C-alpha cells in the first residue's frame, strides 16, 4: 500500500457512493428505525398540541395590568409647539 493512501471502506466505492453491501447491512434496521422515528414524531406532536391547548385555555384576568409607561415631557400633552428651553 503506497504511503498517504487511506484504505477504502468496504461500504463505499472510490467515488464515495454507498455499495450494495451497505444497503444489505442497513436492511434489518430499516423497519425498526422507521417505527421508532414515527413514535418520536408522534410524541413531539402530542406534547406540542397539548401545550398549545393548555396555553389557549389560560385566563389572565386575575393578573393586574401595569400602568402605561410615562413618556418624555416633550411628547406628553404637546400642542404642536416647541418645548420651552431651560435657562
C-alpha atoms as a PDB file:
ATOM      1  CA  UNK A   1       0.000   0.000   0.000  1.00  0.00           C
ATOM      2  CA  UNK A   2       1.503   3.370  -1.000  1.00  0.00           C
ATOM      3  CA  UNK A   3       2.154   5.944   1.678  1.00  0.00           C
ATOM      4  CA  UNK A   4      -0.506   8.614   2.090  1.00  0.00           C
ATOM      5  CA  UNK A   5      -3.310   6.499   0.724  1.00  0.00           C
ATOM      6  CA  UNK A   6      -6.182   5.725   3.082  1.00  0.00           C
ATOM      7  CA  UNK A   7      -7.754   2.295   2.611  1.00  0.00           C
ATOM      8  CA  UNK A   8     -11.295   2.410   1.249  1.00  0.00           C
ATOM      9  CA  UNK A   9     -14.183   1.204   3.374  1.00  0.00           C
ATOM     10  CA  UNK A  10     -15.962  -1.837   2.055  1.00  0.00           C
ATOM     11  CA  UNK A  11     -19.291   0.012   2.226  1.00  0.00           C
ATOM     12  CA  UNK A  12     -18.286   2.852  -0.144  1.00  0.00           C
ATOM     13  CA  UNK A  13     -16.729   2.779  -3.592  1.00  0.00           C
ATOM     14  CA  UNK A  14     -13.960   5.028  -4.940  1.00  0.00           C
ATOM     15  CA  UNK A  15     -16.446   7.852  -5.645  1.00  0.00           C
ATOM     16  CA  UNK A  16     -17.736   7.617  -2.032  1.00  0.00           C
ATOM     17  CA  UNK A  17     -21.086   6.188  -3.123  1.00  0.00           C
ATOM     18  CA  UNK A  18     -22.770   3.522  -0.975  1.00  0.00           C
ATOM     19  CA  UNK A  19     -22.454  -0.012  -2.261  1.00  0.00           C
ATOM     20  CA  UNK A  20     -24.919  -2.869  -2.211  1.00  0.00           C
ATOM     21  CA  UNK A  21     -23.207  -4.212   0.919  1.00  0.00           C
ATOM     22  CA  UNK A  22     -24.164  -1.058   2.833  1.00  0.00           C
ATOM     23  CA  UNK A  23     -27.782  -1.388   1.757  1.00  0.00           C
ATOM     24  CA  UNK A  24     -27.794  -5.038   2.853  1.00  0.00           C
ATOM     25  CA  UNK A  25     -26.276  -4.117   6.223  1.00  0.00           C
ATOM     26  CA  UNK A  26     -28.942  -1.456   6.829  1.00  0.00           C
ATOM     27  CA  UNK A  27     -31.857  -3.631   5.705  1.00  0.00           C
ATOM     28  CA  UNK A  28     -32.680  -5.276   9.080  1.00  0.00           C
ATOM     29  CA  UNK A  29     -32.869  -1.910  10.840  1.00  0.00           C
ATOM     30  CA  UNK A  30     -34.984  -0.056   8.290  1.00  0.00           C
ATOM     31  CA  UNK A  31     -38.417  -1.013   9.669  1.00  0.00           C
ATOM     32  CA  UNK A  32     -37.451  -0.618  13.343  1.00  0.00           C
ATOM     33  CA  UNK A  33     -35.844   2.772  12.738  1.00  0.00           C
ATOM     34  CA  UNK A  34     -38.876   3.955  10.776  1.00  0.00           C
ATOM     35  CA  UNK A  35     -41.274   2.889  13.526  1.00  0.00           C
ATOM     36  CA  UNK A  36     -39.078   4.491  16.203  1.00  0.00           C
ATOM     37  CA  UNK A  37     -38.908   7.748  14.227  1.00  0.00           C
ATOM     38  CA  UNK A  38     -42.690   7.809  13.789  1.00  0.00           C
ATOM     39  CA  UNK A  39     -43.195   7.201  17.516  1.00  0.00           C
ATOM     40  CA  UNK A  40     -40.854  10.043  18.440  1.00  0.00           C
ATOM     41  CA  UNK A  41     -42.540  12.390  15.958  1.00  0.00           C
ATOM     42  CA  UNK A  42     -45.970  11.414  17.346  1.00  0.00           C
ATOM     43  CA  UNK A  43     -44.821  12.100  20.898  1.00  0.00           C
ATOM     44  CA  UNK A  44     -43.452  15.515  19.920  1.00  0.00           C
ATOM     45  CA  UNK A  45     -46.678  16.403  18.080  1.00  0.00           C
ATOM     46  CA  UNK A  46     -48.731  15.330  21.104  1.00  0.00           C
ATOM     47  CA  UNK A  47     -46.697  17.424  23.527  1.00  0.00           C
ATOM     48  CA  UNK A  48     -46.877  20.405  21.176  1.00  0.00           C
ATOM     49  CA  UNK A  49     -50.654  20.178  20.711  1.00  0.00           C
ATOM     50  CA  UNK A  50     -51.236  19.667  24.447  1.00  0.00           C
ATOM     51  CA  UNK A  51     -49.120  22.727  25.238  1.00  0.00           C
ATOM     52  CA  UNK A  52     -50.919  24.919  22.713  1.00  0.00           C
ATOM     53  CA  UNK A  53     -54.313  23.858  24.081  1.00  0.00           C
ATOM     54  CA  UNK A  54     -53.252  24.376  27.696  1.00  0.00           C
ATOM     55  CA  UNK A  55     -51.979  27.879  26.973  1.00  0.00           C
ATOM     56  CA  UNK A  56     -55.043  28.739  24.922  1.00  0.00           C
ATOM     57  CA  UNK A  57     -57.346  27.982  27.866  1.00  0.00           C
ATOM     58  CA  UNK A  58     -55.426  30.182  30.303  1.00  0.00           C
ATOM     59  CA  UNK A  59     -57.252  33.266  31.575  1.00  0.00           C
ATOM     60  CA  UNK A  60     -55.082  36.214  32.547  1.00  0.00           C
ATOM     61  CA  UNK A  61     -57.898  38.352  34.007  1.00  0.00           C
ATOM     62  CA  UNK A  62     -56.637  37.817  37.571  1.00  0.00           C
ATOM     63  CA  UNK A  63     -53.270  39.442  36.803  1.00  0.00           C
ATOM     64  CA  UNK A  64     -53.233  43.207  37.388  1.00  0.00           C
ATOM     65  CA  UNK A  65     -52.215  45.250  34.364  1.00  0.00           C
ATOM     66  CA  UNK A  66     -49.429  47.791  34.985  1.00  0.00           C
ATOM     67  CA  UNK A  67     -49.938  51.440  34.117  1.00  0.00           C
ATOM     68  CA  UNK A  68     -48.775  52.682  30.757  1.00  0.00           C
ATOM     69  CA  UNK A  69     -45.129  53.796  30.753  1.00  0.00           C
ATOM     70  CA  UNK A  70     -44.546  57.511  31.231  1.00  0.00           C
ATOM     71  CA  UNK A  71     -43.357  59.156  28.044  1.00  0.00           C
ATOM     72  CA  UNK A  72     -40.890  62.022  27.858  1.00  0.00           C
ATOM     73  CA  UNK A  73     -42.197  65.504  28.705  1.00  0.00           C
ATOM     74  CA  UNK A  74     -41.925  66.788  25.147  1.00  0.00           C
ATOM     75  CA  UNK A  75     -44.370  64.188  23.854  1.00  0.00           C
ATOM     76  CA  UNK A  76     -46.907  64.197  26.672  1.00  0.00           C
ATOM     77  CA  UNK A  77     -49.644  66.754  26.020  1.00  0.00           C
ATOM     78  CA  UNK A  78     -47.678  68.539  23.338  1.00  0.00           C
ATOM     79  CA  UNK A  79     -49.730  71.084  21.428  1.00  0.00           C
ATOM     80  CA  UNK A  80     -47.500  71.196  18.417  1.00  0.00           C
ATOM     81  CA  UNK A  81     -45.256  73.938  19.706  1.00  0.00           C
ATOM     82  CA  UNK A  82     -41.598  73.514  20.564  1.00  0.00           C
ATOM     83  CA  UNK A  83     -40.813  72.704  24.207  1.00  0.00           C
ATOM     84  CA  UNK A  84     -39.691  75.576  26.379  1.00  0.00           C
ATOM     85  CA  UNK A  85     -35.934  75.914  26.852  1.00  0.00           C
ATOM     86  CA  UNK A  86     -34.483  75.910  30.358  1.00  0.00           C
ATOM     87  CA  UNK A  87     -32.325  78.883  31.266  1.00  0.00           C
END
